[in-house]
PDB file of all heavy atoms in Angstrom:
ATOM      1  N   VAL A   1     -13.508   0.850  33.685  1.00  0.00           N
ATOM      2  CA  VAL A   1     -12.304   0.642  32.876  1.00  0.00           C
ATOM      3  C   VAL A   1     -12.646   1.046  31.449  1.00  0.00           C
ATOM      4  O   VAL A   1     -13.323   0.330  30.726  1.00  0.00           O
ATOM      5  CB  VAL A   1     -11.818  -0.818  32.947  1.00  0.00           C
ATOM      6  CG1 VAL A   1     -10.574  -1.008  32.082  1.00  0.00           C
ATOM      7  CG2 VAL A   1     -11.542  -1.214  34.388  1.00  0.00           C
ATOM      8  N   ARG A   2     -12.159   2.214  31.040  1.00  0.00           N
ATOM      9  CA  ARG A   2     -12.526   2.789  29.745  1.00  0.00           C
ATOM     10  C   ARG A   2     -11.612   2.341  28.614  1.00  0.00           C
ATOM     11  O   ARG A   2     -11.952   2.507  27.443  1.00  0.00           O
ATOM     12  CB  ARG A   2     -12.505   4.317  29.834  1.00  0.00           C
ATOM     13  CG  ARG A   2     -13.539   4.917  30.774  1.00  0.00           C
ATOM     14  CD  ARG A   2     -14.935   4.592  30.337  1.00  0.00           C
ATOM     15  NE  ARG A   2     -15.914   5.504  30.940  1.00  0.00           N
ATOM     16  CZ  ARG A   2     -17.218   5.338  30.849  1.00  0.00           C
ATOM     17  NH1 ARG A   2     -17.705   4.287  30.205  1.00  0.00           N
ATOM     18  NH2 ARG A   2     -18.056   6.202  31.408  1.00  0.00           N
ATOM     19  N   GLY A   3     -10.450   1.795  28.953  1.00  0.00           N
ATOM     20  CA  GLY A   3      -9.547   1.348  27.902  1.00  0.00           C
ATOM     21  C   GLY A   3      -8.347   0.629  28.479  1.00  0.00           C
ATOM     22  O   GLY A   3      -7.861   0.964  29.564  1.00  0.00           O
ATOM     23  N   ILE A   4      -7.867  -0.393  27.757  1.00  0.00           N
ATOM     24  CA  ILE A   4      -6.663  -1.134  28.127  1.00  0.00           C
ATOM     25  C   ILE A   4      -5.774  -1.163  26.889  1.00  0.00           C
ATOM     26  O   ILE A   4      -6.159  -1.699  25.843  1.00  0.00           O
ATOM     27  CB  ILE A   4      -6.986  -2.568  28.585  1.00  0.00           C
ATOM     28  CG1 ILE A   4      -7.898  -2.543  29.828  1.00  0.00           C
ATOM     29  CG2 ILE A   4      -5.715  -3.348  28.872  1.00  0.00           C
ATOM     30  CD1 ILE A   4      -8.396  -3.915  30.251  1.00  0.00           C
ATOM     31  N   HIS A   5      -4.598  -0.574  27.003  1.00  0.00           N
ATOM     32  CA  HIS A   5      -3.692  -0.455  25.865  1.00  0.00           C
ATOM     33  C   HIS A   5      -2.420  -1.255  26.153  1.00  0.00           C
ATOM     34  O   HIS A   5      -1.752  -1.032  27.168  1.00  0.00           O
ATOM     35  CB  HIS A   5      -3.341   1.009  25.614  1.00  0.00           C
ATOM     36  CG  HIS A   5      -4.527   1.842  25.223  1.00  0.00           C
ATOM     37  ND1 HIS A   5      -4.790   2.198  23.912  1.00  0.00           N
ATOM     38  CD2 HIS A   5      -5.528   2.379  25.960  1.00  0.00           C
ATOM     39  CE1 HIS A   5      -5.899   2.917  23.866  1.00  0.00           C
ATOM     40  NE2 HIS A   5      -6.371   3.036  25.105  1.00  0.00           N
ATOM     41  N   LEU A   6      -2.097  -2.188  25.256  1.00  0.00           N
ATOM     42  CA  LEU A   6      -0.906  -3.011  25.390  1.00  0.00           C
ATOM     43  C   LEU A   6       0.110  -2.569  24.347  1.00  0.00           C
ATOM     44  O   LEU A   6      -0.217  -2.446  23.158  1.00  0.00           O
ATOM     45  CB  LEU A   6      -1.240  -4.491  25.198  1.00  0.00           C
ATOM     46  CG  LEU A   6      -2.380  -5.060  26.048  1.00  0.00           C
ATOM     47  CD1 LEU A   6      -2.571  -6.537  25.749  1.00  0.00           C
ATOM     48  CD2 LEU A   6      -2.125  -4.849  27.533  1.00  0.00           C
ATOM     49  N   ILE A   7       1.347  -2.331  24.779  1.00  0.00           N
ATOM     50  CA  ILE A   7       2.411  -1.966  23.850  1.00  0.00           C
ATOM     51  C   ILE A   7       3.602  -2.889  24.065  1.00  0.00           C
ATOM     52  O   ILE A   7       3.784  -3.463  25.137  1.00  0.00           O
ATOM     53  CB  ILE A   7       2.841  -0.491  24.007  1.00  0.00           C
ATOM     54  CG1 ILE A   7       3.502  -0.246  25.361  1.00  0.00           C
ATOM     55  CG2 ILE A   7       1.636   0.432  23.846  1.00  0.00           C
ATOM     56  CD1 ILE A   7       4.076   1.145  25.516  1.00  0.00           C
ATOM     57  N   ASN A   8       4.393  -3.049  23.007  1.00  0.00           N
ATOM     58  CA  ASN A   8       5.600  -3.894  23.045  1.00  0.00           C
ATOM     59  C   ASN A   8       5.281  -5.325  23.440  1.00  0.00           C
ATOM     60  O   ASN A   8       6.119  -6.002  24.051  1.00  0.00           O
ATOM     61  CB  ASN A   8       6.631  -3.302  24.033  1.00  0.00           C
ATOM     62  CG  ASN A   8       7.286  -2.044  23.504  1.00  0.00           C
ATOM     63  OD1 ASN A   8       7.582  -1.939  22.314  1.00  0.00           O
ATOM     64  ND2 ASN A   8       7.509  -1.074  24.384  1.00  0.00           N
ATOM     65  N   GLU A   9       4.089  -5.806  23.102  1.00  0.00           N
ATOM     66  CA  GLU A   9       3.733  -7.155  23.516  1.00  0.00           C
ATOM     67  C   GLU A   9       4.470  -8.186  22.653  1.00  0.00           C
ATOM     68  O   GLU A   9       4.377  -8.170  21.427  1.00  0.00           O
ATOM     69  CB  GLU A   9       2.219  -7.378  23.451  1.00  0.00           C
ATOM     70  CG  GLU A   9       1.563  -7.281  22.091  1.00  0.00           C
ATOM     71  CD  GLU A   9       1.156  -5.861  21.714  1.00  0.00           C
ATOM     72  OE1 GLU A   9       1.707  -4.912  22.294  1.00  0.00           O
ATOM     73  OE2 GLU A   9       0.317  -5.725  20.814  1.00  0.00           O
ATOM     74  N   PRO A  10       5.236  -9.105  23.271  1.00  0.00           N
ATOM     75  CA  PRO A  10       5.938 -10.159  22.525  1.00  0.00           C
ATOM     76  C   PRO A  10       4.973 -11.280  22.166  1.00  0.00           C
ATOM     77  O   PRO A  10       3.887 -11.392  22.734  1.00  0.00           O
ATOM     78  CB  PRO A  10       7.003 -10.639  23.512  1.00  0.00           C
ATOM     79  CG  PRO A  10       6.376 -10.406  24.848  1.00  0.00           C
ATOM     80  CD  PRO A  10       5.527  -9.171  24.710  1.00  0.00           C
ATOM     81  N   LEU A  11       5.391 -12.115  21.254  1.00  0.00           N
ATOM     82  CA  LEU A  11       4.527 -13.211  20.814  1.00  0.00           C
ATOM     83  C   LEU A  11       4.181 -14.143  21.973  1.00  0.00           C
ATOM     84  O   LEU A  11       3.051 -14.625  22.071  1.00  0.00           O
ATOM     85  CB  LEU A  11       5.211 -13.999  19.692  1.00  0.00           C
ATOM     86  CG  LEU A  11       5.251 -13.330  18.316  1.00  0.00           C
ATOM     87  CD1 LEU A  11       6.040 -14.184  17.329  1.00  0.00           C
ATOM     88  CD2 LEU A  11       3.831 -13.091  17.797  1.00  0.00           C
ATOM     89  N   PHE A  12       5.144 -14.395  22.867  1.00  0.00           N
ATOM     90  CA  PHE A  12       4.861 -15.357  23.931  1.00  0.00           C
ATOM     91  C   PHE A  12       4.052 -14.742  25.074  1.00  0.00           C
ATOM     92  O   PHE A  12       3.831 -15.386  26.094  1.00  0.00           O
ATOM     93  CB  PHE A  12       6.139 -16.017  24.458  1.00  0.00           C
ATOM     94  CG  PHE A  12       7.198 -15.075  24.951  1.00  0.00           C
ATOM     95  CD1 PHE A  12       7.213 -14.650  26.262  1.00  0.00           C
ATOM     96  CD2 PHE A  12       8.186 -14.627  24.098  1.00  0.00           C
ATOM     97  CE1 PHE A  12       8.188 -13.792  26.732  1.00  0.00           C
ATOM     98  CE2 PHE A  12       9.177 -13.763  24.554  1.00  0.00           C
ATOM     99  CZ  PHE A  12       9.175 -13.347  25.869  1.00  0.00           C
ATOM    100  N   PHE A  13       3.598 -13.495  24.905  1.00  0.00           N
ATOM    101  CA  PHE A  13       2.623 -12.953  25.850  1.00  0.00           C
ATOM    102  C   PHE A  13       1.214 -13.420  25.501  1.00  0.00           C
ATOM    103  O   PHE A  13       0.355 -13.529  26.372  1.00  0.00           O
ATOM    104  CB  PHE A  13       2.661 -11.422  25.847  1.00  0.00           C
ATOM    105  CG  PHE A  13       1.516 -10.788  26.605  1.00  0.00           C
ATOM    106  CD1 PHE A  13       1.500 -10.778  27.990  1.00  0.00           C
ATOM    107  CD2 PHE A  13       0.425 -10.238  25.929  1.00  0.00           C
ATOM    108  CE1 PHE A  13       0.437 -10.219  28.691  1.00  0.00           C
ATOM    109  CE2 PHE A  13      -0.636  -9.674  26.620  1.00  0.00           C
ATOM    110  CZ  PHE A  13      -0.626  -9.664  28.004  1.00  0.00           C
ATOM    111  N   HIS A  14       0.969 -13.706  24.250  1.00  0.00           N
ATOM    112  CA  HIS A  14      -0.387 -14.003  23.787  1.00  0.00           C
ATOM    113  C   HIS A  14      -1.024 -15.216  24.475  1.00  0.00           C
ATOM    114  O   HIS A  14      -2.238 -15.206  24.710  1.00  0.00           O
ATOM    115  CB  HIS A  14      -0.403 -14.154  22.262  1.00  0.00           C
ATOM    116  CG  HIS A  14      -0.173 -12.847  21.559  1.00  0.00           C
ATOM    117  ND1 HIS A  14      -1.170 -11.908  21.386  1.00  0.00           N
ATOM    118  CD2 HIS A  14       0.946 -12.296  21.017  1.00  0.00           C
ATOM    119  CE1 HIS A  14      -0.690 -10.855  20.762  1.00  0.00           C
ATOM    120  NE2 HIS A  14       0.594 -11.063  20.528  1.00  0.00           N
ATOM    121  N   PRO A  15      -0.274 -16.276  24.824  1.00  0.00           N
ATOM    122  CA  PRO A  15      -0.913 -17.367  25.584  1.00  0.00           C
ATOM    123  C   PRO A  15      -1.496 -16.887  26.919  1.00  0.00           C
ATOM    124  O   PRO A  15      -2.571 -17.356  27.332  1.00  0.00           O
ATOM    125  CB  PRO A  15       0.230 -18.364  25.794  1.00  0.00           C
ATOM    126  CG  PRO A  15       1.137 -18.138  24.644  1.00  0.00           C
ATOM    127  CD  PRO A  15       1.094 -16.659  24.405  1.00  0.00           C
ATOM    128  N   VAL A  16      -0.813 -15.970  27.590  1.00  0.00           N
ATOM    129  CA  VAL A  16      -1.346 -15.424  28.845  1.00  0.00           C
ATOM    130  C   VAL A  16      -2.589 -14.588  28.568  1.00  0.00           C
ATOM    131  O   VAL A  16      -3.590 -14.672  29.289  1.00  0.00           O
ATOM    132  CB  VAL A  16      -0.271 -14.575  29.561  1.00  0.00           C
ATOM    133  CG1 VAL A  16      -0.869 -13.864  30.776  1.00  0.00           C
ATOM    134  CG2 VAL A  16       0.884 -15.456  29.989  1.00  0.00           C
ATOM    135  N   PHE A  17      -2.538 -13.804  27.527  1.00  0.00           N
ATOM    136  CA  PHE A  17      -3.695 -12.989  27.146  1.00  0.00           C
ATOM    137  C   PHE A  17      -4.887 -13.887  26.813  1.00  0.00           C
ATOM    138  O   PHE A  17      -6.030 -13.593  27.186  1.00  0.00           O
ATOM    139  CB  PHE A  17      -3.314 -12.117  25.949  1.00  0.00           C
ATOM    140  CG  PHE A  17      -4.357 -11.103  25.570  1.00  0.00           C
ATOM    141  CD1 PHE A  17      -4.911 -10.260  26.524  1.00  0.00           C
ATOM    142  CD2 PHE A  17      -4.785 -10.966  24.259  1.00  0.00           C
ATOM    143  CE1 PHE A  17      -5.866  -9.312  26.179  1.00  0.00           C
ATOM    144  CE2 PHE A  17      -5.734 -10.031  23.906  1.00  0.00           C
ATOM    145  CZ  PHE A  17      -6.277  -9.209  24.866  1.00  0.00           C
ATOM    146  N   THR A  18      -4.617 -14.981  26.140  1.00  0.00           N
ATOM    147  CA  THR A  18      -5.679 -15.946  25.808  1.00  0.00           C
ATOM    148  C   THR A  18      -6.270 -16.567  27.068  1.00  0.00           C
ATOM    149  O   THR A  18      -7.467 -16.873  27.127  1.00  0.00           O
ATOM    150  CB  THR A  18      -5.109 -17.050  24.896  1.00  0.00           C
ATOM    151  OG1 THR A  18      -4.597 -16.461  23.698  1.00  0.00           O
ATOM    152  CG2 THR A  18      -6.183 -18.068  24.525  1.00  0.00           C
ATOM    153  N   LEU A  19      -5.433 -16.731  28.096  1.00  0.00           N
ATOM    154  CA  LEU A  19      -5.897 -17.302  29.364  1.00  0.00           C
ATOM    155  C   LEU A  19      -6.848 -16.353  30.084  1.00  0.00           C
ATOM    156  O   LEU A  19      -7.835 -16.782  30.697  1.00  0.00           O
ATOM    157  CB  LEU A  19      -4.684 -17.608  30.247  1.00  0.00           C
ATOM    158  CG  LEU A  19      -4.932 -18.277  31.603  1.00  0.00           C
ATOM    159  CD1 LEU A  19      -5.467 -19.686  31.411  1.00  0.00           C
ATOM    160  CD2 LEU A  19      -3.639 -18.290  32.421  1.00  0.00           C
ATOM    161  N   ILE A  20      -6.577 -15.058  30.003  1.00  0.00           N
ATOM    162  CA  ILE A  20      -7.365 -14.057  30.715  1.00  0.00           C
ATOM    163  C   ILE A  20      -8.663 -13.713  29.986  1.00  0.00           C
ATOM    164  O   ILE A  20      -9.703 -13.500  30.617  1.00  0.00           O
ATOM    165  CB  ILE A  20      -6.520 -12.782  30.941  1.00  0.00           C
ATOM    166  CG1 ILE A  20      -5.334 -13.083  31.855  1.00  0.00           C
ATOM    167  CG2 ILE A  20      -7.364 -11.661  31.531  1.00  0.00           C
ATOM    168  CD1 ILE A  20      -4.375 -11.927  32.011  1.00  0.00           C
ATOM    169  N   LYS A  21      -8.623 -13.673  28.660  1.00  0.00           N
ATOM    170  CA  LYS A  21      -9.749 -13.170  27.872  1.00  0.00           C
ATOM    171  C   LYS A  21     -11.093 -13.825  28.167  1.00  0.00           C
ATOM    172  O   LYS A  21     -12.111 -13.128  28.232  1.00  0.00           O
ATOM    173  CB  LYS A  21      -9.445 -13.267  26.371  1.00  0.00           C
ATOM    174  CG  LYS A  21      -8.614 -12.117  25.848  1.00  0.00           C
ATOM    175  CD  LYS A  21      -8.459 -12.172  24.336  1.00  0.00           C
ATOM    176  CE  LYS A  21      -9.745 -11.775  23.626  1.00  0.00           C
ATOM    177  NZ  LYS A  21      -9.543 -11.681  22.168  1.00  0.00           N
ATOM    178  N   PRO A  22     -11.170 -15.159  28.345  1.00  0.00           N
ATOM    179  CA  PRO A  22     -12.490 -15.759  28.594  1.00  0.00           C
ATOM    180  C   PRO A  22     -13.190 -15.238  29.834  1.00  0.00           C
ATOM    181  O   PRO A  22     -14.418 -15.317  29.936  1.00  0.00           O
ATOM    182  CB  PRO A  22     -12.167 -17.260  28.730  1.00  0.00           C
ATOM    183  CG  PRO A  22     -10.894 -17.448  27.990  1.00  0.00           C
ATOM    184  CD  PRO A  22     -10.119 -16.188  28.221  1.00  0.00           C
ATOM    185  N   PHE A  23     -12.434 -14.717  30.793  1.00  0.00           N
ATOM    186  CA  PHE A  23     -13.027 -14.214  32.028  1.00  0.00           C
ATOM    187  C   PHE A  23     -13.486 -12.760  31.909  1.00  0.00           C
ATOM    188  O   PHE A  23     -14.111 -12.228  32.833  1.00  0.00           O
ATOM    189  CB  PHE A  23     -12.025 -14.335  33.182  1.00  0.00           C
ATOM    190  CG  PHE A  23     -11.555 -15.736  33.447  1.00  0.00           C
ATOM    191  CD1 PHE A  23     -10.233 -16.096  33.253  1.00  0.00           C
ATOM    192  CD2 PHE A  23     -12.443 -16.713  33.885  1.00  0.00           C
ATOM    193  CE1 PHE A  23      -9.790 -17.387  33.502  1.00  0.00           C
ATOM    194  CE2 PHE A  23     -12.020 -18.010  34.137  1.00  0.00           C
ATOM    195  CZ  PHE A  23     -10.691 -18.350  33.945  1.00  0.00           C
ATOM    196  N   LEU A  24     -13.166 -12.114  30.796  1.00  0.00           N
ATOM    197  CA  LEU A  24     -13.506 -10.703  30.623  1.00  0.00           C
ATOM    198  C   LEU A  24     -14.860 -10.538  29.949  1.00  0.00           C
ATOM    199  O   LEU A  24     -15.265 -11.370  29.128  1.00  0.00           O
ATOM    200  CB  LEU A  24     -12.436 -10.002  29.767  1.00  0.00           C
ATOM    201  CG  LEU A  24     -11.006 -10.007  30.306  1.00  0.00           C
ATOM    202  CD1 LEU A  24     -10.064  -9.368  29.298  1.00  0.00           C
ATOM    203  CD2 LEU A  24     -10.932  -9.293  31.641  1.00  0.00           C
ATOM    204  N   SER A  25     -15.550  -9.465  30.291  1.00  0.00           N
ATOM    205  CA  SER A  25     -16.828  -9.175  29.643  1.00  0.00           C
ATOM    206  C   SER A  25     -16.586  -8.721  28.210  1.00  0.00           C
ATOM    207  O   SER A  25     -15.484  -8.290  27.848  1.00  0.00           O
ATOM    208  CB  SER A  25     -17.566  -8.074  30.405  1.00  0.00           C
ATOM    209  OG  SER A  25     -16.865  -6.843  30.291  1.00  0.00           O
ATOM    210  N   GLU A  26     -17.609  -8.808  27.387  1.00  0.00           N
ATOM    211  CA  GLU A  26     -17.480  -8.359  26.003  1.00  0.00           C
ATOM    212  C   GLU A  26     -17.174  -6.867  25.936  1.00  0.00           C
ATOM    213  O   GLU A  26     -16.444  -6.403  25.049  1.00  0.00           O
ATOM    214  CB  GLU A  26     -18.763  -8.676  25.231  1.00  0.00           C
ATOM    215  CG  GLU A  26     -19.019 -10.169  25.036  1.00  0.00           C
ATOM    216  CD  GLU A  26     -17.864 -10.870  24.335  1.00  0.00           C
ATOM    217  OE1 GLU A  26     -17.353 -10.321  23.342  1.00  0.00           O
ATOM    218  OE2 GLU A  26     -17.476 -11.968  24.791  1.00  0.00           O
ATOM    219  N   LYS A  27     -17.703  -6.110  26.877  1.00  0.00           N
ATOM    220  CA  LYS A  27     -17.451  -4.670  26.899  1.00  0.00           C
ATOM    221  C   LYS A  27     -15.977  -4.384  27.135  1.00  0.00           C
ATOM    222  O   LYS A  27     -15.380  -3.527  26.471  1.00  0.00           O
ATOM    223  CB  LYS A  27     -18.301  -4.007  27.985  1.00  0.00           C
ATOM    224  CG  LYS A  27     -18.150  -2.490  28.049  1.00  0.00           C
ATOM    225  CD  LYS A  27     -18.981  -1.894  29.177  1.00  0.00           C
ATOM    226  CE  LYS A  27     -20.456  -1.990  28.882  1.00  0.00           C
ATOM    227  NZ  LYS A  27     -21.278  -1.282  29.905  1.00  0.00           N
ATOM    228  N   ILE A  28     -15.372  -5.115  28.075  1.00  0.00           N
ATOM    229  CA  ILE A  28     -13.951  -4.918  28.355  1.00  0.00           C
ATOM    230  C   ILE A  28     -13.104  -5.373  27.161  1.00  0.00           C
ATOM    231  O   ILE A  28     -12.144  -4.699  26.760  1.00  0.00           O
ATOM    232  CB  ILE A  28     -13.522  -5.671  29.616  1.00  0.00           C
ATOM    233  CG1 ILE A  28     -14.190  -5.062  30.858  1.00  0.00           C
ATOM    234  CG2 ILE A  28     -12.006  -5.657  29.778  1.00  0.00           C
ATOM    235  CD1 ILE A  28     -13.726  -3.656  31.176  1.00  0.00           C
ATOM    236  N   LYS A  29     -13.462  -6.506  26.576  1.00  0.00           N
ATOM    237  CA  LYS A  29     -12.707  -7.000  25.415  1.00  0.00           C
ATOM    238  C   LYS A  29     -12.690  -5.971  24.290  1.00  0.00           C
ATOM    239  O   LYS A  29     -11.672  -5.790  23.607  1.00  0.00           O
ATOM    240  CB  LYS A  29     -13.328  -8.305  24.904  1.00  0.00           C
ATOM    241  CG  LYS A  29     -13.139  -9.501  25.810  1.00  0.00           C
ATOM    242  CD  LYS A  29     -13.849 -10.720  25.228  1.00  0.00           C
ATOM    243  CE  LYS A  29     -13.808 -11.903  26.173  1.00  0.00           C
ATOM    244  NZ  LYS A  29     -14.575 -13.064  25.651  1.00  0.00           N
ATOM    245  N   ALA A  30     -13.811  -5.288  24.096  1.00  0.00           N
ATOM    246  CA  ALA A  30     -13.903  -4.300  23.019  1.00  0.00           C
ATOM    247  C   ALA A  30     -13.041  -3.072  23.293  1.00  0.00           C
ATOM    248  O   ALA A  30     -12.762  -2.284  22.379  1.00  0.00           O
ATOM    249  CB  ALA A  30     -15.356  -3.883  22.815  1.00  0.00           C
ATOM    250  N   ARG A  31     -12.607  -2.905  24.534  1.00  0.00           N
ATOM    251  CA  ARG A  31     -11.818  -1.733  24.908  1.00  0.00           C
ATOM    252  C   ARG A  31     -10.320  -2.037  25.005  1.00  0.00           C
ATOM    253  O   ARG A  31      -9.557  -1.224  25.508  1.00  0.00           O
ATOM    254  CB  ARG A  31     -12.335  -1.173  26.240  1.00  0.00           C
ATOM    255  CG  ARG A  31     -13.743  -0.609  26.124  1.00  0.00           C
ATOM    256  CD  ARG A  31     -14.322  -0.187  27.456  1.00  0.00           C
ATOM    257  NE  ARG A  31     -15.641   0.412  27.272  1.00  0.00           N
ATOM    258  CZ  ARG A  31     -16.465   0.744  28.253  1.00  0.00           C
ATOM    259  NH1 ARG A  31     -16.097   0.545  29.512  1.00  0.00           N
ATOM    260  NH2 ARG A  31     -17.654   1.270  28.002  1.00  0.00           N
ATOM    261  N   ILE A  32      -9.920  -3.217  24.546  1.00  0.00           N
ATOM    262  CA  ILE A  32      -8.509  -3.597  24.552  1.00  0.00           C
ATOM    263  C   ILE A  32      -7.876  -3.233  23.210  1.00  0.00           C
ATOM    264  O   ILE A  32      -8.409  -3.550  22.158  1.00  0.00           O
ATOM    265  CB  ILE A  32      -8.347  -5.098  24.834  1.00  0.00           C
ATOM    266  CG1 ILE A  32      -8.872  -5.435  26.241  1.00  0.00           C
ATOM    267  CG2 ILE A  32      -6.889  -5.516  24.694  1.00  0.00           C
ATOM    268  CD1 ILE A  32      -8.867  -6.914  26.562  1.00  0.00           C
ATOM    269  N   HIS A  33      -6.740  -2.550  23.263  1.00  0.00           N
ATOM    270  CA  HIS A  33      -6.030  -2.116  22.059  1.00  0.00           C
ATOM    271  C   HIS A  33      -4.618  -2.690  22.087  1.00  0.00           C
ATOM    272  O   HIS A  33      -3.888  -2.524  23.058  1.00  0.00           O
ATOM    273  CB  HIS A  33      -5.961  -0.587  21.996  1.00  0.00           C
ATOM    274  CG  HIS A  33      -7.293   0.088  22.100  1.00  0.00           C
ATOM    275  ND1 HIS A  33      -8.050   0.451  21.003  1.00  0.00           N
ATOM    276  CD2 HIS A  33      -8.025   0.462  23.193  1.00  0.00           C
ATOM    277  CE1 HIS A  33      -9.169   1.022  21.403  1.00  0.00           C
ATOM    278  NE2 HIS A  33      -9.185   1.035  22.725  1.00  0.00           N
ATOM    279  N   LEU A  34      -4.243  -3.367  21.014  1.00  0.00           N
ATOM    280  CA  LEU A  34      -2.899  -3.930  20.882  1.00  0.00           C
ATOM    281  C   LEU A  34      -2.096  -3.044  19.933  1.00  0.00           C
ATOM    282  O   LEU A  34      -2.400  -2.939  18.752  1.00  0.00           O
ATOM    283  CB  LEU A  34      -2.976  -5.362  20.352  1.00  0.00           C
ATOM    284  CG  LEU A  34      -3.861  -6.341  21.143  1.00  0.00           C
ATOM    285  CD1 LEU A  34      -3.867  -7.708  20.485  1.00  0.00           C
ATOM    286  CD2 LEU A  34      -3.403  -6.448  22.588  1.00  0.00           C
ATOM    287  N   HIS A  35      -1.045  -2.417  20.453  1.00  0.00           N
ATOM    288  CA  HIS A  35      -0.267  -1.462  19.664  1.00  0.00           C
ATOM    289  C   HIS A  35       1.036  -2.037  19.132  1.00  0.00           C
ATOM    290  O   HIS A  35       1.605  -1.480  18.186  1.00  0.00           O
ATOM    291  CB  HIS A  35       0.047  -0.225  20.511  1.00  0.00           C
ATOM    292  CG  HIS A  35      -1.144   0.567  20.912  1.00  0.00           C
ATOM    293  ND1 HIS A  35      -1.632   1.632  20.189  1.00  0.00           N
ATOM    294  CD2 HIS A  35      -1.970   0.443  21.988  1.00  0.00           C
ATOM    295  CE1 HIS A  35      -2.684   2.142  20.788  1.00  0.00           C
ATOM    296  NE2 HIS A  35      -2.922   1.435  21.887  1.00  0.00           N
ATOM    297  N   GLY A  36       1.529  -3.108  19.730  1.00  0.00           N
ATOM    298  CA  GLY A  36       2.795  -3.672  19.298  1.00  0.00           C
ATOM    299  C   GLY A  36       3.946  -2.706  19.506  1.00  0.00           C
ATOM    300  O   GLY A  36       3.940  -1.862  20.407  1.00  0.00           O
ATOM    301  N   SER A  37       4.946  -2.806  18.622  1.00  0.00           N
ATOM    302  CA  SER A  37       6.119  -1.938  18.721  1.00  0.00           C
ATOM    303  C   SER A  37       5.922  -0.613  18.004  1.00  0.00           C
ATOM    304  O   SER A  37       6.802   0.258  18.044  1.00  0.00           O
ATOM    305  CB  SER A  37       7.345  -2.661  18.150  1.00  0.00           C
ATOM    306  OG  SER A  37       7.120  -3.019  16.789  1.00  0.00           O
ATOM    307  N   ASN A  38       4.771  -0.445  17.367  1.00  0.00           N
ATOM    308  CA  ASN A  38       4.476   0.781  16.613  1.00  0.00           C
ATOM    309  C   ASN A  38       3.757   1.818  17.475  1.00  0.00           C
ATOM    310  O   ASN A  38       3.120   2.736  16.950  1.00  0.00           O
ATOM    311  CB  ASN A  38       3.613   0.423  15.386  1.00  0.00           C
ATOM    312  CG  ASN A  38       3.553   1.550  14.382  1.00  0.00           C
ATOM    313  OD1 ASN A  38       4.558   2.210  14.109  1.00  0.00           O
ATOM    314  ND2 ASN A  38       2.377   1.787  13.820  1.00  0.00           N
ATOM    315  N   TYR A  39       3.866   1.702  18.780  1.00  0.00           N
ATOM    316  CA  TYR A  39       3.061   2.519  19.686  1.00  0.00           C
ATOM    317  C   TYR A  39       3.352   4.011  19.608  1.00  0.00           C
ATOM    318  O   TYR A  39       2.482   4.832  19.909  1.00  0.00           O
ATOM    319  CB  TYR A  39       3.232   2.035  21.127  1.00  0.00           C
ATOM    320  CG  TYR A  39       4.626   2.210  21.677  1.00  0.00           C
ATOM    321  CD1 TYR A  39       4.994   3.366  22.353  1.00  0.00           C
ATOM    322  CD2 TYR A  39       5.583   1.207  21.524  1.00  0.00           C
ATOM    323  CE1 TYR A  39       6.266   3.529  22.853  1.00  0.00           C
ATOM    324  CE2 TYR A  39       6.852   1.363  22.026  1.00  0.00           C
ATOM    325  CZ  TYR A  39       7.196   2.530  22.682  1.00  0.00           C
ATOM    326  OH  TYR A  39       8.455   2.688  23.177  1.00  0.00           O
ATOM    327  N   LEU A  40       4.554   4.398  19.207  1.00  0.00           N
ATOM    328  CA  LEU A  40       4.858   5.825  19.134  1.00  0.00           C
ATOM    329  C   LEU A  40       3.991   6.547  18.098  1.00  0.00           C
ATOM    330  O   LEU A  40       3.772   7.755  18.210  1.00  0.00           O
ATOM    331  CB  LEU A  40       6.343   6.040  18.805  1.00  0.00           C
ATOM    332  CG  LEU A  40       7.320   5.763  19.949  1.00  0.00           C
ATOM    333  CD1 LEU A  40       8.752   5.929  19.479  1.00  0.00           C
ATOM    334  CD2 LEU A  40       7.038   6.668  21.148  1.00  0.00           C
ATOM    335  N   GLN A  41       3.504   5.791  17.128  1.00  0.00           N
ATOM    336  CA  GLN A  41       2.606   6.376  16.140  1.00  0.00           C
ATOM    337  C   GLN A  41       1.137   6.280  16.560  1.00  0.00           C
ATOM    338  O   GLN A  41       0.338   7.171  16.279  1.00  0.00           O
ATOM    339  CB  GLN A  41       2.786   5.681  14.779  1.00  0.00           C
ATOM    340  CG  GLN A  41       4.032   6.092  14.007  1.00  0.00           C
ATOM    341  CD  GLN A  41       5.315   5.577  14.642  1.00  0.00           C
ATOM    342  OE1 GLN A  41       5.392   4.407  15.013  1.00  0.00           O
ATOM    343  NE2 GLN A  41       6.306   6.442  14.793  1.00  0.00           N
ATOM    344  N   THR A  42       0.772   5.191  17.253  1.00  0.00           N
ATOM    345  CA  THR A  42      -0.644   4.931  17.529  1.00  0.00           C
ATOM    346  C   THR A  42      -1.101   5.387  18.912  1.00  0.00           C
ATOM    347  O   THR A  42      -2.226   5.868  19.072  1.00  0.00           O
ATOM    348  CB  THR A  42      -0.938   3.427  17.374  1.00  0.00           C
ATOM    349  OG1 THR A  42      -0.104   2.683  18.278  1.00  0.00           O
ATOM    350  CG2 THR A  42      -0.671   2.973  15.940  1.00  0.00           C
TER     351      THR A  42
END
């Protein structure tokens, strides 16, 4: 898994993301990118 990109993430998604993160390796965590609603630029 070389990269995980999240776009259009709402605020109430973050509790779920917080639930998953502890189970992920540090390598995977470093490859997660949060783009929000500005994804067309990023």
